[in-house]
Protein backbone atom coordinates (compact mmCIF):
# COMPACT_ATOMS: atom_id res chain seq x y z
CA MET A 1 -67.23 -102.18 244.21
CA SER A 2 -68.31 -100.16 247.14
CA LEU A 3 -70.52 -97.11 247.46
CA ASN A 4 -67.41 -95.00 247.70
CA TYR A 5 -67.28 -95.47 243.82
CA LEU A 6 -63.88 -95.35 242.05
CA ARG A 7 -63.38 -92.17 240.09
CA GLU A 8 -60.35 -93.20 237.95
CA ARG A 9 -59.98 -91.43 234.69
CA ARG A 10 -59.09 -93.69 231.86
CA ASP A 11 -57.33 -92.41 228.78
CA SER A 12 -57.84 -94.99 226.03
CA GLY A 13 -54.47 -95.56 224.57
CA GLY A 14 -53.46 -91.84 224.85
CA SER A 15 -56.34 -90.90 222.52
CA GLY A 16 -58.00 -88.41 224.78
CA TYR A 17 -61.03 -90.29 225.57
CA PHE A 18 -62.00 -90.32 229.30
CA CYS A 19 -64.10 -92.75 231.21
CA ILE A 20 -65.06 -92.96 234.90
CA PHE A 21 -64.95 -96.43 236.33
CA GLY A 22 -67.76 -97.10 238.77
CA CYS A 23 -71.07 -95.38 239.14
CA ASP A 24 -70.50 -91.71 238.20
CA ILE A 25 -73.36 -90.30 236.27
CA PRO A 26 -73.82 -86.85 237.81
CA GLN A 27 -76.98 -86.10 239.57
CA GLY A 28 -79.60 -84.76 237.15
CA ALA A 29 -77.70 -86.03 234.13
CA GLY A 30 -80.10 -86.29 231.02
CA ARG A 31 -82.44 -83.63 232.58
CA ASP A 32 -86.19 -84.02 232.38
CA ARG A 33 -87.07 -84.10 228.72
CA ALA A 34 -90.04 -81.83 229.32
CA GLY A 35 -87.87 -79.23 230.78
CA PRO A 36 -85.87 -76.37 229.12
CA GLU A 37 -83.45 -77.16 226.49
CA ARG A 38 -79.78 -77.48 227.81
CA LYS A 39 -77.44 -75.11 226.04
CA ARG A 40 -74.15 -76.79 225.39
CA PRO A 41 -71.51 -77.16 222.64
CA ALA A 42 -71.81 -80.10 220.12
CA PHE A 43 -68.59 -81.63 221.07
CA ASN A 44 -66.48 -81.45 224.26
CA ASP A 45 -63.05 -82.05 222.82
CA MET A 46 -60.04 -81.30 225.18
CA GLY A 47 -58.83 -77.90 224.22
CA ALA A 48 -62.00 -76.94 222.36
CA SER A 49 -63.97 -73.85 223.43
CA GLY A 50 -66.65 -74.76 225.94
CA ARG A 51 -64.49 -77.35 227.61
CA SER A 52 -66.05 -78.91 230.62
CA ASP A 53 -64.82 -80.86 233.63
CA PRO A 54 -64.61 -84.50 232.54
CA ALA A 55 -65.24 -85.80 235.93
CA ARG A 56 -68.44 -83.64 236.47
CA GLU A 57 -69.74 -84.37 233.05
CA SER A 58 -69.04 -88.02 232.87
CA ALA A 59 -71.47 -90.86 232.95
CA ARG A 60 -71.39 -94.46 233.95
CA ALA A 61 -68.23 -96.26 232.48
CA TYR A 62 -67.17 -99.75 232.64
CA ARG A 63 -65.36 -102.31 230.60
CA LEU A 64 -66.33 -105.73 229.16
CA PRO A 65 -64.15 -108.47 227.91
CA ARG A 66 -64.00 -108.91 224.05
CA GLN A 67 -66.46 -111.43 222.68
CA SER A 68 -65.38 -111.39 219.07
CA GLU A 69 -66.59 -114.93 218.54
CA THR A 70 -70.23 -114.08 219.51
CA LYS A 71 -72.95 -112.72 217.39
CA ALA A 72 -75.49 -110.18 218.54
CA ASN A 73 -78.59 -111.88 217.25
CA THR A 74 -77.85 -115.63 217.92
CA GLU A 75 -79.79 -117.71 220.41
CA TYR A 76 -77.86 -118.36 223.71
CA LYS A 77 -76.85 -121.91 224.39
CA GLN A 78 -77.68 -123.65 227.54
CA ASP A 79 -74.99 -122.72 230.12
CA LYS A 80 -72.55 -125.21 231.34
CA PRO A 81 -72.75 -126.52 234.86
CA THR A 82 -71.82 -124.00 237.46
CA ALA A 83 -67.99 -123.84 238.04
CA MET A 84 -66.09 -122.48 240.97
CA ASN A 85 -64.73 -119.53 238.80
CA GLU A 86 -68.09 -118.54 237.38
CA LYS A 87 -69.90 -115.52 238.81
CA TYR A 88 -73.34 -114.42 238.16
CA ALA A 89 -75.26 -111.21 238.46
CA LEU A 90 -78.84 -110.18 237.57
CA GLY A 91 -79.09 -107.70 234.70
CA VAL A 92 -82.33 -105.57 234.74
CA ASP A 93 -83.78 -103.41 232.08
CA ILE A 94 -86.57 -101.08 233.55
CA GLY A 95 -88.33 -99.37 230.67
CA GLY A 96 -91.47 -97.37 230.30
CA SER A 97 -93.72 -100.54 229.66
CA HIS A 98 -91.95 -103.50 231.48
CA ILE A 99 -89.31 -104.81 233.70
CA ALA A 100 -87.13 -107.47 232.12
CA CYS A 101 -84.37 -109.34 233.99
CA GLN A 102 -81.97 -112.28 233.49
CA VAL A 103 -79.14 -113.98 235.05
CA VAL A 104 -75.80 -113.18 233.23
CA GLU A 105 -72.48 -115.09 233.65
CA LEU A 106 -70.00 -112.14 234.21
CA GLY A 107 -66.95 -113.78 232.83
CA SER A 108 -68.44 -114.23 229.26
CA SER A 109 -71.25 -111.59 229.59
CA ARG A 110 -73.61 -114.22 228.33
CA PRO A 111 -77.22 -114.23 229.71
CA VAL A 112 -78.40 -117.50 230.95
CA GLY A 113 -81.31 -118.19 228.59
CA GLU A 114 -83.86 -119.98 230.79
CA THR A 115 -83.69 -117.39 233.40
CA TYR A 116 -85.24 -114.57 231.31
CA THR A 117 -88.28 -113.00 233.16
CA GLU A 118 -90.50 -110.15 231.93
CA VAL A 119 -93.44 -108.42 233.61
CA LYS A 120 -95.46 -105.74 231.82
CA ILE A 121 -96.01 -102.63 233.76
CA ALA A 122 -96.73 -99.12 232.56
CA GLU A 123 -94.53 -96.25 233.86
CA ASN A 124 -97.66 -94.26 234.77
CA GLU A 125 -98.93 -96.69 237.22
CA SER A 126 -98.86 -96.09 241.03
CA ALA A 127 -95.64 -96.63 243.00
CA GLN A 128 -97.41 -99.73 244.69
CA LYS A 129 -98.11 -101.47 241.39
CA ILE A 130 -94.67 -100.58 239.93
CA LEU A 131 -92.90 -102.17 242.99
CA ALA A 132 -95.24 -105.19 242.90
CA ALA A 133 -94.17 -105.85 239.32
CA TRP A 134 -90.58 -105.45 240.09
CA ASP A 135 -91.04 -107.93 242.95
CA SER A 136 -92.73 -110.39 240.73
CA ALA A 137 -90.10 -110.31 238.04
CA LEU A 138 -86.94 -110.38 240.24
CA GLY A 139 -88.31 -113.09 242.46
CA ALA A 140 -89.13 -115.36 239.54
CA CYS A 141 -85.70 -114.63 238.00
CA MET A 142 -83.80 -115.40 241.20
CA GLN A 143 -85.85 -118.61 241.55
CA LYS A 144 -84.88 -119.63 237.96
CA ALA A 145 -81.14 -119.06 238.84
CA GLY A 146 -81.23 -122.17 240.96
CA ALA A 147 -78.00 -122.93 242.47
CA ARG A 148 -76.19 -120.09 240.78
CA ALA A 149 -74.98 -117.57 243.41
CA ILE A 150 -76.08 -114.01 242.36
CA THR A 151 -73.28 -111.59 243.36
CA GLY A 152 -74.84 -108.24 242.19
CA LEU A 153 -77.71 -106.42 240.48
CA GLY A 154 -76.99 -104.21 237.53
CA VAL A 155 -80.04 -101.93 236.57
CA ALA A 156 -80.63 -99.90 233.45
CA MET A 157 -82.90 -96.96 234.16
CA PRO A 158 -84.10 -94.13 231.75
CA SER A 159 -82.80 -90.65 232.57
CA PRO A 160 -83.15 -88.53 234.56
CA PHE A 161 -82.06 -90.63 237.62
CA ASP A 162 -79.52 -90.16 240.26
CA PHE A 163 -77.27 -93.10 239.29
CA ILE A 164 -74.87 -92.60 242.18
CA LYS A 165 -77.44 -92.61 244.91
CA GLY A 166 -80.13 -94.68 243.20
CA ILE A 167 -82.86 -92.00 243.54
CA ALA A 168 -85.66 -91.73 240.96
CA MET A 169 -85.92 -88.26 239.60
CA ALA A 170 -88.05 -88.25 236.51
CA GLU A 171 -91.37 -86.45 236.32
CA HIS A 172 -92.49 -87.25 232.80
CA LYS A 173 -91.79 -91.05 233.41
CA PHE A 174 -92.27 -92.94 236.65
CA ALA A 175 -93.79 -89.92 238.20
CA SER A 176 -95.05 -91.92 241.06
CA ILE A 177 -91.77 -93.03 242.29
CA LYS A 178 -89.96 -89.71 241.93
CA GLY A 179 -87.79 -89.30 245.08
CA MET A 180 -87.78 -93.05 245.82
CA ASN A 181 -84.58 -94.60 246.92
CA VAL A 182 -84.69 -97.37 244.24
CA ARG A 183 -81.50 -99.02 245.63
CA ALA A 184 -83.12 -99.49 249.03
CA GLU A 185 -86.18 -100.88 247.46
CA LEU A 186 -84.34 -103.34 245.43
CA HIS A 187 -82.45 -104.48 248.39
CA ARG A 188 -85.63 -105.09 250.24
CA LEU A 189 -86.99 -107.08 247.38
CA THR A 190 -83.85 -109.28 246.70
CA GLY A 191 -81.76 -109.16 249.72
CA ILE A 192 -78.83 -108.29 247.64
CA ASP A 193 -76.19 -106.08 249.26
CA PRO A 194 -76.89 -102.39 248.48
CA SER A 195 -73.27 -101.85 247.58
CA ARG A 196 -73.74 -104.51 244.86
CA ILE A 197 -76.83 -102.84 243.46
CA LEU A 198 -75.53 -100.46 240.57
CA PHE A 199 -77.19 -98.31 238.11
CA THR A 200 -76.66 -97.06 234.53
CA ASN A 201 -78.74 -95.34 231.95
CA ASP A 202 -80.58 -97.60 229.41
CA ALA A 203 -78.61 -96.29 226.35
CA ALA A 204 -75.38 -96.98 227.99
CA GLY A 205 -76.39 -100.45 228.89
CA PHE A 206 -77.52 -101.05 225.27
CA GLY A 207 -74.11 -99.88 223.99
CA MET A 208 -72.02 -101.87 226.20
CA GLY A 209 -74.18 -104.90 225.78
CA ALA A 210 -74.15 -104.52 221.95
CA TRP A 211 -70.26 -104.39 222.25
CA SER A 212 -69.93 -107.43 224.41
CA LEU A 213 -72.44 -109.61 222.51
CA GLY A 214 -71.12 -108.85 218.94
CA GLY A 215 -69.14 -105.79 218.48
CA GLY A 216 -65.88 -106.64 220.33
CA ASN A 217 -63.85 -106.06 217.23
CA ALA A 218 -64.89 -102.40 216.88
CA ARG A 219 -62.36 -99.87 218.33
CA HIS A 220 -64.98 -97.08 218.13
CA LEU A 221 -68.55 -98.19 218.35
CA ILE A 222 -71.72 -95.97 218.52
CA GLY A 223 -74.82 -97.61 219.90
CA VAL A 224 -78.18 -95.84 219.39
CA THR A 225 -81.70 -96.74 220.39
CA LEU A 226 -84.68 -95.35 218.33
CA GLY A 227 -88.17 -95.54 219.75
CA THR A 228 -90.20 -93.30 221.94
CA GLY A 229 -86.75 -91.60 222.83
CA PHE A 230 -83.31 -91.38 221.37
CA GLY A 231 -80.35 -92.93 223.35
CA ALA A 232 -76.90 -93.03 222.33
CA CYS A 233 -73.64 -94.53 223.76
CA PHE A 234 -70.04 -94.11 222.50
CA ILE A 235 -67.69 -97.02 222.98
CA VAL A 236 -63.95 -96.84 222.92
CA ASP A 237 -62.15 -100.24 223.02
CA GLY A 238 -64.98 -101.64 225.22
CA CYS A 239 -65.09 -98.48 227.51
CA TYR A 240 -68.16 -96.26 227.70
CA ALA A 241 -66.65 -92.89 226.79
CA THR A 242 -68.32 -89.67 227.98
CA TYR A 243 -65.48 -87.22 227.14
CA GLY A 244 -63.26 -86.93 224.16
CA PRO A 245 -63.12 -86.12 220.41
CA GLY A 246 -66.49 -86.48 218.76
CA VAL A 247 -68.23 -87.45 221.99
CA PRO A 248 -71.17 -85.18 223.19
CA ILE A 249 -71.08 -83.95 226.75
CA GLY A 250 -72.18 -86.91 228.97
CA GLY A 251 -72.19 -89.25 225.92
CA GLU A 252 -75.87 -88.36 225.25
CA LEU A 253 -77.43 -87.17 221.98
CA TRP A 254 -81.14 -86.92 222.73
CA ASP A 255 -80.75 -83.21 223.67
CA TYR A 256 -78.22 -82.36 221.03
CA PRO A 257 -79.25 -78.98 219.69
CA PHE A 258 -80.68 -79.47 216.11
CA ARG A 259 -82.72 -77.18 213.77
CA GLY A 260 -83.65 -74.95 216.79
CA ARG A 261 -84.99 -77.74 218.90
CA ILE A 262 -83.40 -81.14 220.09
CA ALA A 263 -82.44 -84.16 217.99
CA GLU A 264 -85.01 -86.39 219.69
CA ASP A 265 -87.85 -84.30 218.35
CA PHE A 266 -86.89 -85.46 214.94
CA VAL A 267 -86.17 -89.04 215.29
CA SER A 268 -88.53 -90.43 217.90
CA THR A 269 -91.81 -92.06 217.39
CA ARG A 270 -93.65 -88.77 218.06
CA TRP A 271 -92.06 -87.21 214.86
CA PHE A 272 -93.58 -90.13 212.89
CA GLU A 273 -96.99 -89.63 214.46
CA GLU A 274 -97.04 -86.03 213.72
CA LYS A 275 -95.62 -86.26 210.21
CA PHE A 276 -98.11 -89.03 209.31
CA ARG A 277 -101.05 -87.00 210.68
CA GLN A 278 -99.89 -83.88 208.75
CA ILE A 279 -99.67 -85.69 205.35
CA THR A 280 -102.68 -88.05 205.65
CA GLY A 281 -104.87 -86.56 208.31
CA VAL A 282 -104.94 -89.89 210.18
CA ALA A 283 -103.85 -90.09 213.71
CA ILE A 284 -101.66 -92.95 214.83
CA THR A 285 -99.82 -94.17 217.87
CA GLY A 286 -96.33 -95.32 217.21
CA VAL A 287 -94.78 -96.47 213.92
CA LYS A 288 -96.40 -99.90 213.54
CA PRO A 289 -99.66 -98.49 212.22
CA MET A 290 -97.74 -97.00 209.35
CA ILE A 291 -96.07 -100.24 208.53
CA ASP A 292 -99.54 -102.11 208.71
CA TYR A 293 -101.02 -99.46 206.19
CA TYR A 294 -98.04 -99.98 203.88
CA HIS A 295 -98.56 -103.71 203.84
CA ALA A 296 -102.20 -103.21 203.19
CA ASP A 297 -101.34 -101.09 200.25
CA LYS A 298 -102.55 -97.83 201.86
CA TYR A 299 -100.58 -94.71 201.95
CA THR A 300 -97.63 -96.47 200.46
CA ALA A 301 -96.04 -93.54 198.84
CA GLU A 302 -96.64 -91.44 201.99
CA VAL A 303 -94.97 -93.98 204.26
CA ARG A 304 -91.97 -94.16 201.83
CA ALA A 305 -91.61 -90.42 201.77
CA ILE A 306 -91.81 -90.27 205.60
CA PHE A 307 -89.08 -92.85 206.11
CA ASP A 308 -86.93 -91.23 203.38
CA GLU A 309 -87.07 -88.01 205.24
CA PHE A 310 -86.37 -89.74 208.55
CA ALA A 311 -83.37 -91.48 207.20
CA ARG A 312 -81.96 -88.28 205.76
CA THR A 313 -82.41 -86.41 209.15
CA PHE A 314 -81.07 -89.20 211.21
CA ALA A 315 -77.91 -89.38 208.99
CA GLU A 316 -77.61 -85.60 209.28
CA ILE A 317 -77.63 -85.82 213.13
CA MET A 318 -75.22 -88.83 213.23
CA LEU A 319 -72.80 -87.68 210.50
CA PRO A 320 -70.63 -85.20 212.41
CA PHE A 321 -70.35 -87.64 215.36
CA VAL A 322 -69.50 -90.57 213.19
CA GLN A 323 -66.80 -88.63 211.45
CA ARG A 324 -65.35 -86.79 214.46
CA PHE A 325 -65.49 -89.94 216.73
CA GLY A 326 -63.92 -92.07 214.02
CA ALA A 327 -66.76 -94.65 214.45
CA ASP A 328 -66.10 -98.07 212.76
CA THR A 329 -69.49 -99.56 213.60
CA LEU A 330 -73.05 -98.02 214.29
CA VAL A 331 -75.45 -100.36 216.14
CA VAL A 332 -79.13 -99.50 216.16
CA GLY A 333 -81.58 -100.97 218.61
CA GLY A 334 -85.03 -99.96 220.03
CA GLY A 335 -88.45 -100.34 218.84
CA MET A 336 -87.73 -98.63 215.41
CA VAL A 337 -85.25 -101.23 214.24
CA ARG A 338 -88.19 -103.54 213.51
CA ALA A 339 -88.73 -101.25 210.55
CA GLU A 340 -85.12 -101.34 209.40
CA GLU A 341 -85.98 -102.27 205.85
CA PHE A 342 -87.74 -98.94 205.45
CA PHE A 343 -84.80 -96.72 206.36
CA PHE A 344 -81.40 -98.69 206.58
CA PRO A 345 -80.70 -98.59 202.84
CA GLN A 346 -81.23 -94.74 202.68
CA LEU A 347 -79.15 -94.19 205.83
CA ARG A 348 -76.26 -96.19 204.43
CA ALA A 349 -76.55 -94.28 201.18
CA ALA A 350 -76.56 -91.00 202.87
CA PHE A 351 -73.45 -91.79 204.60
CA GLU A 352 -71.75 -93.17 201.45
CA GLN A 353 -72.68 -89.84 199.72
CA LYS A 354 -70.49 -88.06 202.32
CA GLY A 355 -67.61 -90.44 201.86
CA VAL A 356 -68.35 -92.36 205.12
CA GLN A 357 -68.10 -96.10 204.90
CA ILE A 358 -69.42 -97.57 208.10
CA PRO A 359 -71.33 -100.84 208.95
CA VAL A 360 -74.84 -100.06 210.14
CA VAL A 361 -76.00 -103.02 212.18
CA ALA A 362 -79.50 -103.69 213.44
CA MET A 363 -79.78 -105.37 216.97
CA ALA A 364 -83.36 -106.41 217.17
CA ASP A 365 -83.00 -107.89 220.73
CA THR A 366 -82.39 -104.53 222.49
CA THR A 367 -83.51 -105.85 225.80
CA THR A 368 -80.90 -108.66 225.86
CA ALA A 369 -78.19 -106.07 225.05
CA ILE A 370 -79.32 -103.75 227.78
CA ILE A 371 -79.43 -106.66 230.33
CA ALA A 372 -75.93 -107.80 229.37
CA GLY A 373 -74.50 -104.23 229.69
CA ALA A 374 -76.39 -103.57 232.93
CA ALA A 375 -75.03 -106.85 234.64
CA ALA A 376 -71.53 -105.79 233.59
CA LEU A 377 -71.71 -103.18 236.25
CA CYS A 378 -71.17 -105.95 238.80
CA LYS A 379 -67.77 -107.19 237.42
């Protein structure tokens, strides 16, 4: 794949879902979450009012081989000795608190277990410290690759980011590297050809990774990440769909208009923090303190009530997309999934009350899914 980037529209079986092969998230996609609300229709079906240009609105799309025999949460086995037909890439997950990377065998989409490397680095650190952490992680991972020839680098980055040019754009996250040519810096750190350093957003990486590692039998899979943000990815037969029936514009849900605000305001950790403070008067950071209180037999009724409300709200947000998209699997990842026992049963019940029968699957190893999905950019 070259920097010319293919822009081939793919109609999945004539069903009206379009994907763009290559690196085609438009500049500014997933605007700064601190900025003004984006006005848009809930759906962008062809022929519907508010129809938009699929090429302009599309995000990163790529295709993975089916891996129906794999399971999402199993341990990876030791790789076989390198064969002539095996190709490897580095999959990289750059998040708000770390950089994680791993060598991935592209034919099977399986990460090579012993190459996993993670370095903690906060997104609000200086550019110098962030680059030093990236250098440390990538260098160690490539050293662990041994004799395996690395043919590319696939990177999952949070929006907003210019995924075509590789330019950092965020102000609320990674503010110190705004305007930086991340592709050029990664080339400098790794020596990998710039044309083989490709980018996608973290939610898309998760969805494609979840599909390749365990959801290959699903025709229509929705992957969501719940934590400090709200990411989403719509998968049609292994293709990341950004345009079609039931798919929000650009394939993103975080800024979906909901109750006069945006969906992320009601399903991210900041909602839990505010709700718990309102009910108990106790300030917390993140969801874990709530769980700790519950297990210590404190605020048990309050914690249960908060999670019940969260489950109903999340179901209300997801239901129209699950129905219109015809989803046959919903995969949930992100930090919130560690609390699945507190809201998965209510979520499933809410779907069933509306006549929707869909497996709701937790993928605790969100990072592995993102890494596998990001590496697939290099196929």
